[in-house]
C-alpha cells in the first residue's frame, strides 16, 4: 500500500502529464518525513516561481529555503524574508530555538505544485486544472493529517484551505486581524474545529509582493503575529463532544 507521500506524488505526476511538458512541478520544500502527524506547523505558498521545468517530489537534504540552488534575485529576497520570519517565530516559541531548526521541522510546500514565472502569468485554462488537482491533493492530505497551524503566504492558499476545511465540516470562529504596518494590509487569523481537532489558518501577505521583513515599521507587528502563532501552537486540542 503506497504511503501518503507516494500517493500524493503519483497524483501530481499524473496531472503533470495531463497539463503537458510546459510545466515543471515541486511538491514538498522539505524532507518527505515532514508529511506526517508529527508536523504541527505548515508553511504553504502559492506555487513554485520561475521557469525551471523540473520534477521535485521533495528536498531530502533539508528545507529548500536553505538548501535549494539557484534562486533568482527576486527569489533570494523572498527566501531571506522567509528565513527572517522563522527566526522571529522561533524566538517567540523558545529563545533557545533557531529559525533554521524550526523551518526544518515545518511542513513546507505550495498549494499548487506546478510552476509559473508568477501566479498571474499561469495560463488561465491550465490554472483551472491545476487548482482542481491541488484541491484534490490537499483534500486527501487533510483527511489523514491535522496540523495545529497553517501559515498561508498569499491569498490563494488562505482561501483554498478555508474552503477545504469547510467542505470537511469544520466549524469556523470569527476571523481576527493584526495590522502589518503596511497601509491597510492585515494579517488574518481564523480558527476552525471538528470533533475535538483544532486548526488555526493564517494569512501572511506574500513576501514577493509586500516585503514586510525588510521594513522596520512592520517588525513590531510581525512580532505580535509570531506571539499569536506561538500561542496557537501551544493550545491543547478541544474536548470531543459527548
Protein backbone atom coordinates (compact mmCIF):
# COMPACT_ATOMS: atom_id res chain seq x y z
CA UNK A 1 0.00 0.00 0.00
CA UNK A 2 1.51 3.38 -1.01
CA UNK A 3 2.34 5.91 1.67
CA UNK A 4 0.59 9.28 1.83
CA UNK A 5 3.67 10.87 0.26
CA UNK A 6 3.85 8.30 -2.55
CA UNK A 7 0.13 8.68 -3.25
CA UNK A 8 0.49 12.48 -3.43
CA UNK A 9 3.47 12.31 -5.78
CA UNK A 10 1.69 9.89 -8.11
CA UNK A 11 -1.33 12.21 -8.22
CA UNK A 12 0.94 15.13 -9.18
CA UNK A 13 2.81 13.09 -11.82
CA UNK A 14 -0.47 12.06 -13.44
CA UNK A 15 -1.74 15.64 -13.50
CA UNK A 16 1.61 16.85 -14.89
CA UNK A 17 1.23 14.51 -17.87
CA UNK A 18 -2.24 15.96 -18.49
CA UNK A 19 -1.02 19.56 -18.26
CA UNK A 20 1.81 18.88 -20.71
CA UNK A 21 5.56 19.48 -20.85
CA UNK A 22 5.33 23.25 -20.35
CA UNK A 23 5.08 22.83 -16.58
CA UNK A 24 7.59 21.65 -14.05
CA UNK A 25 6.47 20.78 -10.54
CA UNK A 26 7.72 20.78 -6.97
CA UNK A 27 5.79 19.21 -4.11
CA UNK A 28 7.46 19.45 -0.69
CA UNK A 29 10.09 22.07 0.13
CA UNK A 30 11.20 19.80 2.97
CA UNK A 31 12.05 16.11 3.54
CA UNK A 32 9.22 13.65 2.88
CA UNK A 33 9.20 12.72 6.59
CA UNK A 34 7.58 16.08 7.35
CA UNK A 35 4.37 14.86 5.68
CA UNK A 36 3.25 13.22 8.90
CA UNK A 37 1.15 13.68 12.01
CA UNK A 38 4.22 14.98 13.83
CA UNK A 39 4.24 18.19 11.77
CA UNK A 40 2.05 20.59 13.72
CA UNK A 41 3.14 23.67 11.75
CA UNK A 42 2.70 24.07 7.99
CA UNK A 43 4.02 26.90 5.80
CA UNK A 44 2.28 27.00 2.41
CA UNK A 45 2.91 29.36 -0.52
CA UNK A 46 1.00 29.73 -3.78
CA UNK A 47 3.07 27.86 -6.40
CA UNK A 48 6.74 27.47 -7.36
CA UNK A 49 8.06 30.55 -9.13
CA UNK A 50 10.41 30.63 -12.07
CA UNK A 51 10.63 28.78 -15.35
CA UNK A 52 12.63 25.65 -14.44
CA UNK A 53 10.96 22.54 -15.89
CA UNK A 54 11.99 20.10 -13.17
CA UNK A 55 10.12 17.42 -11.22
CA UNK A 56 10.91 17.62 -7.49
CA UNK A 57 8.97 15.37 -5.09
CA UNK A 58 10.77 16.76 -2.00
CA UNK A 59 14.06 18.05 -0.62
CA UNK A 60 15.56 15.28 1.50
CA UNK A 61 18.77 17.23 2.28
CA UNK A 62 16.87 19.86 4.27
CA UNK A 63 14.44 22.71 3.79
CA UNK A 64 14.52 24.25 0.30
CA UNK A 65 14.69 27.76 1.73
CA UNK A 66 18.16 26.78 2.93
CA UNK A 67 19.45 24.11 0.57
CA UNK A 68 17.93 24.73 -2.88
CA UNK A 69 20.03 26.47 -5.55
CA UNK A 70 19.93 28.58 -7.61
CA UNK A 71 17.38 31.28 -6.73
CA UNK A 72 16.71 34.33 -8.90
CA UNK A 73 17.41 37.79 -7.48
CA UNK A 74 13.74 38.19 -6.54
CA UNK A 75 13.75 34.63 -5.22
CA UNK A 76 16.65 35.43 -2.92
CA UNK A 77 14.70 38.37 -1.50
CA UNK A 78 11.76 36.05 -0.84
CA UNK A 79 13.93 33.32 0.65
CA UNK A 80 15.72 35.68 3.03
CA UNK A 81 12.41 37.08 4.26
CA UNK A 82 11.06 33.58 4.97
CA UNK A 83 14.21 32.74 6.93
CA UNK A 84 13.97 36.04 8.84
CA UNK A 85 10.30 35.37 9.64
CA UNK A 86 11.12 31.91 11.02
CA UNK A 87 13.94 33.37 13.12
CA UNK A 88 11.39 35.62 14.79
CA UNK A 89 8.76 32.89 15.10
CA UNK A 90 11.30 30.55 16.70
CA UNK A 91 12.20 33.24 19.23
CA UNK A 92 8.51 33.64 20.12
CA UNK A 93 8.27 29.89 20.74
CA UNK A 94 11.56 29.37 22.59
CA UNK A 95 14.56 31.68 22.77
CA UNK A 96 16.82 28.60 22.52
CA UNK A 97 15.22 27.52 19.23
CA UNK A 98 16.76 28.65 15.93
CA UNK A 99 14.72 29.63 12.93
CA UNK A 100 16.63 27.12 10.81
CA UNK A 101 15.68 24.28 13.13
CA UNK A 102 12.02 25.38 13.29
CA UNK A 103 11.86 25.58 9.50
CA UNK A 104 13.44 22.11 9.27
CA UNK A 105 10.60 20.78 11.44
CA UNK A 106 7.87 22.52 9.42
CA UNK A 107 5.89 21.01 6.55
CA UNK A 108 6.78 23.45 3.76
CA UNK A 109 5.15 23.43 0.33
CA UNK A 110 2.99 25.36 -2.12
CA UNK A 111 -0.74 24.89 -2.52
CA UNK A 112 -0.30 24.41 -6.27
CA UNK A 113 2.79 22.29 -7.10
CA UNK A 114 3.08 23.46 -10.74
CA UNK A 115 5.44 26.29 -11.54
CA UNK A 116 4.99 29.56 -13.42
CA UNK A 117 7.00 32.75 -13.63
CA UNK A 118 4.35 34.38 -11.41
CA UNK A 119 0.88 33.19 -10.39
CA UNK A 120 -0.75 35.86 -12.56
CA UNK A 121 1.18 34.54 -15.57
CA UNK A 122 -0.09 30.99 -15.08
CA UNK A 123 -2.16 30.29 -18.24
CA UNK A 124 -5.83 30.60 -17.29
CA UNK A 125 -7.05 27.34 -18.81
CA UNK A 126 -4.30 25.28 -17.24
CA UNK A 127 -4.59 27.22 -13.97
CA UNK A 128 -8.15 25.95 -13.50
CA UNK A 129 -7.00 22.36 -13.99
CA UNK A 130 -4.02 22.88 -11.68
CA UNK A 131 -6.21 24.34 -8.94
CA UNK A 132 -8.64 21.44 -9.14
CA UNK A 133 -5.74 19.00 -8.81
CA UNK A 134 -4.35 20.98 -5.88
CA UNK A 135 -7.71 20.86 -4.10
CA UNK A 136 -7.83 17.09 -4.56
CA UNK A 137 -4.22 16.76 -3.40
CA UNK A 138 -4.60 18.74 -0.17
CA UNK A 139 -8.07 17.35 0.46
CA UNK A 140 -6.57 13.84 0.55
CA UNK A 141 -3.78 15.03 2.84
CA UNK A 142 -6.15 16.78 5.27
CA UNK A 143 -8.18 13.58 5.57
CA UNK A 144 -5.07 11.99 7.11
CA UNK A 145 -3.29 14.86 8.86
CA UNK A 146 -4.45 17.58 11.25
CA UNK A 147 -1.91 20.41 11.69
CA UNK A 148 -2.32 22.87 14.52
CA UNK A 149 -1.31 25.94 12.46
CA UNK A 150 -1.21 26.55 8.69
CA UNK A 151 0.61 29.73 7.69
CA UNK A 152 -0.53 30.68 4.20
CA UNK A 153 1.78 33.01 2.30
CA UNK A 154 -0.64 34.63 -0.13
CA UNK A 155 -4.37 34.86 -0.60
CA UNK A 156 -4.71 31.73 -2.74
CA UNK A 157 -3.70 29.14 -0.10
CA UNK A 158 -5.56 31.06 2.64
CA UNK A 159 -8.78 30.98 0.61
CA UNK A 160 -8.34 27.40 -0.56
CA UNK A 161 -7.56 25.89 2.86
CA UNK A 162 -10.62 27.58 4.38
CA UNK A 163 -12.65 26.14 1.54
CA UNK A 164 -11.29 22.63 2.12
CA UNK A 165 -11.92 22.74 5.87
CA UNK A 166 -15.49 23.95 5.34
CA UNK A 167 -16.02 21.09 2.89
CA UNK A 168 -14.81 18.71 5.63
CA UNK A 169 -17.43 20.07 8.03
CA UNK A 170 -15.21 22.18 10.28
CA UNK A 171 -16.86 25.00 12.24
CA UNK A 172 -15.18 28.40 11.95
CA UNK A 173 -14.70 31.10 14.57
CA UNK A 174 -14.86 34.79 13.77
CA UNK A 175 -11.78 35.94 11.85
CA UNK A 176 -9.36 38.22 13.73
CA UNK A 177 -6.75 40.57 12.28
CA UNK A 178 -3.39 42.03 13.21
CA UNK A 179 -2.07 45.08 11.40
CA UNK A 180 1.10 44.80 9.35
CA UNK A 181 2.25 48.42 9.48
CA UNK A 182 1.84 48.44 5.69
CA UNK A 183 -1.18 50.60 4.94
CA UNK A 184 -4.48 48.75 5.29
CA UNK A 185 -2.93 45.30 4.76
CA UNK A 186 -3.58 42.94 7.71
CA UNK A 187 -2.51 39.55 8.91
CA UNK A 188 -5.66 37.40 9.21
CA UNK A 189 -6.24 34.52 11.62
CA UNK A 190 -9.17 32.12 11.87
CA UNK A 191 -9.72 29.00 13.99
CA UNK A 192 -11.67 26.01 12.75
CA UNK A 193 -12.57 22.85 14.64
CA UNK A 194 -14.24 19.49 14.19
CA UNK A 195 -14.61 16.56 16.59
CA UNK A 196 -12.04 17.96 19.01
CA UNK A 197 -9.45 18.84 16.35
CA UNK A 198 -8.41 22.49 16.16
CA UNK A 199 -6.53 24.26 13.36
CA UNK A 200 -5.59 27.92 13.01
CA UNK A 201 -5.30 29.18 9.43
CA UNK A 202 -3.24 32.35 8.98
CA UNK A 203 -2.96 34.75 6.07
CA UNK A 204 0.50 36.20 5.52
CA UNK A 205 0.96 38.69 2.65
CA UNK A 206 3.21 37.18 0.03
CA UNK A 207 6.77 38.32 0.64
CA UNK A 208 7.40 38.77 -3.08
CA UNK A 209 4.73 41.47 -3.18
CA UNK A 210 4.90 43.09 0.26
CA UNK A 211 8.39 42.97 1.73
CA UNK A 212 7.41 43.23 5.39
CA UNK A 213 10.59 41.71 6.77
CA UNK A 214 12.66 44.45 5.15
CA UNK A 215 10.61 47.29 6.69
CA UNK A 216 11.44 48.34 10.25
CA UNK A 217 7.97 49.80 10.82
CA UNK A 218 6.40 46.38 10.22
CA UNK A 219 8.62 44.33 12.52
CA UNK A 220 6.69 45.06 15.77
CA UNK A 221 3.54 43.86 14.00
CA UNK A 222 5.34 40.72 12.84
CA UNK A 223 6.31 40.09 16.47
CA UNK A 224 2.63 40.29 17.51
CA UNK A 225 1.76 37.76 14.83
CA UNK A 226 4.56 35.43 15.92
CA UNK A 227 3.36 35.55 19.52
CA UNK A 228 -0.18 34.71 18.34
CA UNK A 229 1.13 31.76 16.31
CA UNK A 230 3.14 30.53 19.29
CA UNK A 231 0.00 30.68 21.45
CA UNK A 232 -1.94 28.67 18.87
CA UNK A 233 0.78 26.02 18.70
CA UNK A 234 0.73 25.62 22.48
CA UNK A 235 -3.03 25.19 22.77
CA UNK A 236 -4.32 21.69 23.51
CA UNK A 237 -6.95 20.04 21.37
CA UNK A 238 -10.56 20.67 22.23
CA UNK A 239 -12.53 18.07 24.15
CA UNK A 240 -14.53 15.84 21.85
CA UNK A 241 -18.29 16.41 22.08
CA UNK A 242 -20.23 13.94 24.22
